[in-house]
Amino acid sequence: MKLIVRRGGGIAGIVARTELDAAALPRQDADEFAAKFDQAGLKNLEESRSTRGMPDAQLYDISWEESGQQRSLHFTEESLPEGVRQLLGWVDGRAERVESIEL
């Protein structure tokens, strides 16, 4: 499984991209990644991209690839579910993640 998170918006409009591929993780960590992904419930969520009244809102584009399938969801900072927020915090703490800036 591969998770790709694009965070953008705000005044500067810079988009930060974070990617984590389970194939780059030791087996135990890959299993933990899968468990945290399942706990976040992304597969069962519907996206929310309403930014009405918030012109500088932070936006999240969360994509994942699993078993040849790809899916993406979009959230604002305010609509980001707590379980997903915890998953992203875990991913941000991984040394194996790949980060870049999209201009």
C-alpha atoms as a PDB file:
ATOM      1  CA  MET A   1       0.000   0.000   0.000  1.00  0.00           C
ATOM      2  CA  LYS A   2       1.143   3.525  -0.764  1.00  0.00           C
ATOM      3  CA  LEU A   3      -0.307   6.659   0.863  1.00  0.00           C
ATOM      4  CA  ILE A   4       0.142  10.090  -0.712  1.00  0.00           C
ATOM      5  CA  VAL A   5      -0.892  13.236   1.155  1.00  0.00           C
ATOM      6  CA  ARG A   6      -0.924  16.659  -0.478  1.00  0.00           C
ATOM      7  CA  ARG A   7      -1.437  19.595   1.897  1.00  0.00           C
ATOM      8  CA  GLY A   8      -2.041  22.975   0.372  1.00  0.00           C
ATOM      9  CA  GLY A   9      -3.911  26.204   0.573  1.00  0.00           C
ATOM     10  CA  GLY A  10      -3.436  28.970   3.025  1.00  0.00           C
ATOM     11  CA  ILE A  11      -2.120  32.360   2.065  1.00  0.00           C
ATOM     12  CA  ALA A  12       1.045  31.129   0.324  1.00  0.00           C
ATOM     13  CA  GLY A  13      -0.683  28.365  -1.625  1.00  0.00           C
ATOM     14  CA  ILE A  14       2.334  26.055  -1.333  1.00  0.00           C
ATOM     15  CA  VAL A  15       1.545  22.351  -1.618  1.00  0.00           C
ATOM     16  CA  ALA A  16       3.538  19.919   0.519  1.00  0.00           C
ATOM     17  CA  ARG A  17       3.511  16.290  -0.590  1.00  0.00           C
ATOM     18  CA  THR A  18       4.218  13.366   1.736  1.00  0.00           C
ATOM     19  CA  GLU A  19       4.391   9.793   0.476  1.00  0.00           C
ATOM     20  CA  LEU A  20       4.808   6.559   2.401  1.00  0.00           C
ATOM     21  CA  ASP A  21       5.060   3.171   0.720  1.00  0.00           C
ATOM     22  CA  ALA A  22       4.546   0.097   2.898  1.00  0.00           C
ATOM     23  CA  ALA A  23       7.104  -1.695   0.715  1.00  0.00           C
ATOM     24  CA  ALA A  24       9.781   0.624   2.162  1.00  0.00           C
ATOM     25  CA  LEU A  25       8.946  -0.382   5.739  1.00  0.00           C
ATOM     26  CA  PRO A  26      10.139  -3.346   7.798  1.00  0.00           C
ATOM     27  CA  ARG A  27       7.432  -6.026   7.968  1.00  0.00           C
ATOM     28  CA  GLN A  28       6.289  -5.180  11.507  1.00  0.00           C
ATOM     29  CA  ASP A  29       6.050  -1.470  10.658  1.00  0.00           C
ATOM     30  CA  ALA A  30       4.188  -2.241   7.425  1.00  0.00           C
ATOM     31  CA  ASP A  31       1.669  -4.239   9.463  1.00  0.00           C
ATOM     32  CA  GLU A  32       1.313  -1.316  11.883  1.00  0.00           C
ATOM     33  CA  PHE A  33       0.821   1.041   8.917  1.00  0.00           C
ATOM     34  CA  ALA A  34      -1.955  -1.201   7.553  1.00  0.00           C
ATOM     35  CA  ALA A  35      -3.628  -1.362  10.972  1.00  0.00           C
ATOM     36  CA  LYS A  36      -3.488   2.419  11.431  1.00  0.00           C
ATOM     37  CA  PHE A  37      -4.839   2.919   7.917  1.00  0.00           C
ATOM     38  CA  ASP A  38      -7.754   0.588   8.687  1.00  0.00           C
ATOM     39  CA  GLN A  39      -8.396   2.332  12.025  1.00  0.00           C
ATOM     40  CA  ALA A  40      -8.538   5.707  10.243  1.00  0.00           C
ATOM     41  CA  GLY A  41     -11.460   4.354   8.205  1.00  0.00           C
ATOM     42  CA  LEU A  42     -10.489   6.077   4.958  1.00  0.00           C
ATOM     43  CA  LYS A  43     -12.057   3.332   2.845  1.00  0.00           C
ATOM     44  CA  ASN A  44     -15.462   4.086   4.373  1.00  0.00           C
ATOM     45  CA  LEU A  45     -15.332   7.886   4.308  1.00  0.00           C
ATOM     46  CA  GLU A  46     -16.855  10.350   1.903  1.00  0.00           C
ATOM     47  CA  GLU A  47     -14.940  13.464   1.051  1.00  0.00           C
ATOM     48  CA  SER A  48     -15.692  16.946   2.226  1.00  0.00           C
ATOM     49  CA  ARG A  49     -14.253  19.866   0.332  1.00  0.00           C
ATOM     50  CA  SER A  50     -16.504  22.698   1.425  1.00  0.00           C
ATOM     51  CA  THR A  51     -14.428  25.818   1.976  1.00  0.00           C
ATOM     52  CA  ARG A  52     -17.290  28.301   2.004  1.00  0.00           C
ATOM     53  CA  GLY A  53     -16.366  31.239   4.203  1.00  0.00           C
ATOM     54  CA  MET A  54     -12.749  30.091   4.453  1.00  0.00           C
ATOM     55  CA  PRO A  55     -10.772  31.422   1.478  1.00  0.00           C
ATOM     56  CA  ASP A  56      -7.397  30.488   3.028  1.00  0.00           C
ATOM     57  CA  ALA A  57      -8.399  27.042   4.275  1.00  0.00           C
ATOM     58  CA  GLN A  58      -5.782  24.312   4.506  1.00  0.00           C
ATOM     59  CA  LEU A  59      -6.799  21.506   2.117  1.00  0.00           C
ATOM     60  CA  TYR A  60      -5.827  17.841   2.234  1.00  0.00           C
ATOM     61  CA  ASP A  61      -5.803  15.564  -0.815  1.00  0.00           C
ATOM     62  CA  ILE A  62      -5.295  12.027   0.489  1.00  0.00           C
ATOM     63  CA  SER A  63      -4.699   9.263  -2.058  1.00  0.00           C
ATOM     64  CA  TRP A  64      -3.813   5.642  -1.646  1.00  0.00           C
ATOM     65  CA  GLU A  65      -2.947   2.735  -3.883  1.00  0.00           C
ATOM     66  CA  GLU A  66      -3.708  -0.787  -2.785  1.00  0.00           C
ATOM     67  CA  SER A  67      -3.888  -3.979  -4.832  1.00  0.00           C
ATOM     68  CA  GLY A  68      -3.764  -2.029  -8.080  1.00  0.00           C
ATOM     69  CA  GLN A  69      -6.639   0.249  -7.074  1.00  0.00           C
ATOM     70  CA  GLN A  70      -6.344   3.968  -6.379  1.00  0.00           C
ATOM     71  CA  ARG A  71      -8.700   6.274  -4.503  1.00  0.00           C
ATOM     72  CA  SER A  72      -8.532   9.899  -3.365  1.00  0.00           C
ATOM     73  CA  LEU A  73     -10.429  11.940  -0.806  1.00  0.00           C
ATOM     74  CA  HIS A  74     -10.342  15.676  -0.139  1.00  0.00           C
ATOM     75  CA  PHE A  75     -10.810  17.425   3.190  1.00  0.00           C
ATOM     76  CA  THR A  76     -10.407  20.835   4.760  1.00  0.00           C
ATOM     77  CA  GLU A  77      -8.483  21.219   8.012  1.00  0.00           C
ATOM     78  CA  GLU A  78     -11.799  21.465   9.851  1.00  0.00           C
ATOM     79  CA  SER A  79     -13.429  18.445   8.189  1.00  0.00           C
ATOM     80  CA  LEU A  80     -10.418  16.116   8.555  1.00  0.00           C
ATOM     81  CA  PRO A  81     -11.618  13.200  10.721  1.00  0.00           C
ATOM     82  CA  GLU A  82      -9.681  12.583  13.937  1.00  0.00           C
ATOM     83  CA  GLY A  83      -8.701   9.037  12.903  1.00  0.00           C
ATOM     84  CA  VAL A  84      -7.231  10.344   9.653  1.00  0.00           C
ATOM     85  CA  ARG A  85      -5.438  13.109  11.552  1.00  0.00           C
ATOM     86  CA  GLN A  86      -3.833  10.439  13.777  1.00  0.00           C
ATOM     87  CA  LEU A  87      -2.781   8.394  10.730  1.00  0.00           C
ATOM     88  CA  LEU A  88      -1.161  11.458   9.159  1.00  0.00           C
ATOM     89  CA  GLY A  89       0.680  12.184  12.403  1.00  0.00           C
ATOM     90  CA  TRP A  90       2.047   8.634  12.404  1.00  0.00           C
ATOM     91  CA  VAL A  91       3.123   8.937   8.757  1.00  0.00           C
ATOM     92  CA  ASP A  92       4.817  12.288   9.453  1.00  0.00           C
ATOM     93  CA  GLY A  93       6.897  10.580  12.148  1.00  0.00           C
ATOM     94  CA  ARG A  94       8.283   7.918   9.798  1.00  0.00           C
ATOM     95  CA  ALA A  95      11.848   8.330   8.549  1.00  0.00           C
ATOM     96  CA  GLU A  96      10.905   6.331   5.428  1.00  0.00           C
ATOM     97  CA  ARG A  97       8.442   8.965   4.206  1.00  0.00           C
ATOM     98  CA  VAL A  98       9.325  10.984   1.121  1.00  0.00           C
ATOM     99  CA  GLU A  99       8.518  14.689   1.201  1.00  0.00           C
ATOM    100  CA  SER A 100       8.503  17.313  -1.512  1.00  0.00           C
ATOM    101  CA  ILE A 101       7.097  20.749  -2.271  1.00  0.00           C
ATOM    102  CA  GLU A 102       4.943  21.380  -5.339  1.00  0.00           C
ATOM    103  CA  LEU A 103       5.017  24.937  -6.635  1.00  0.00           C
END
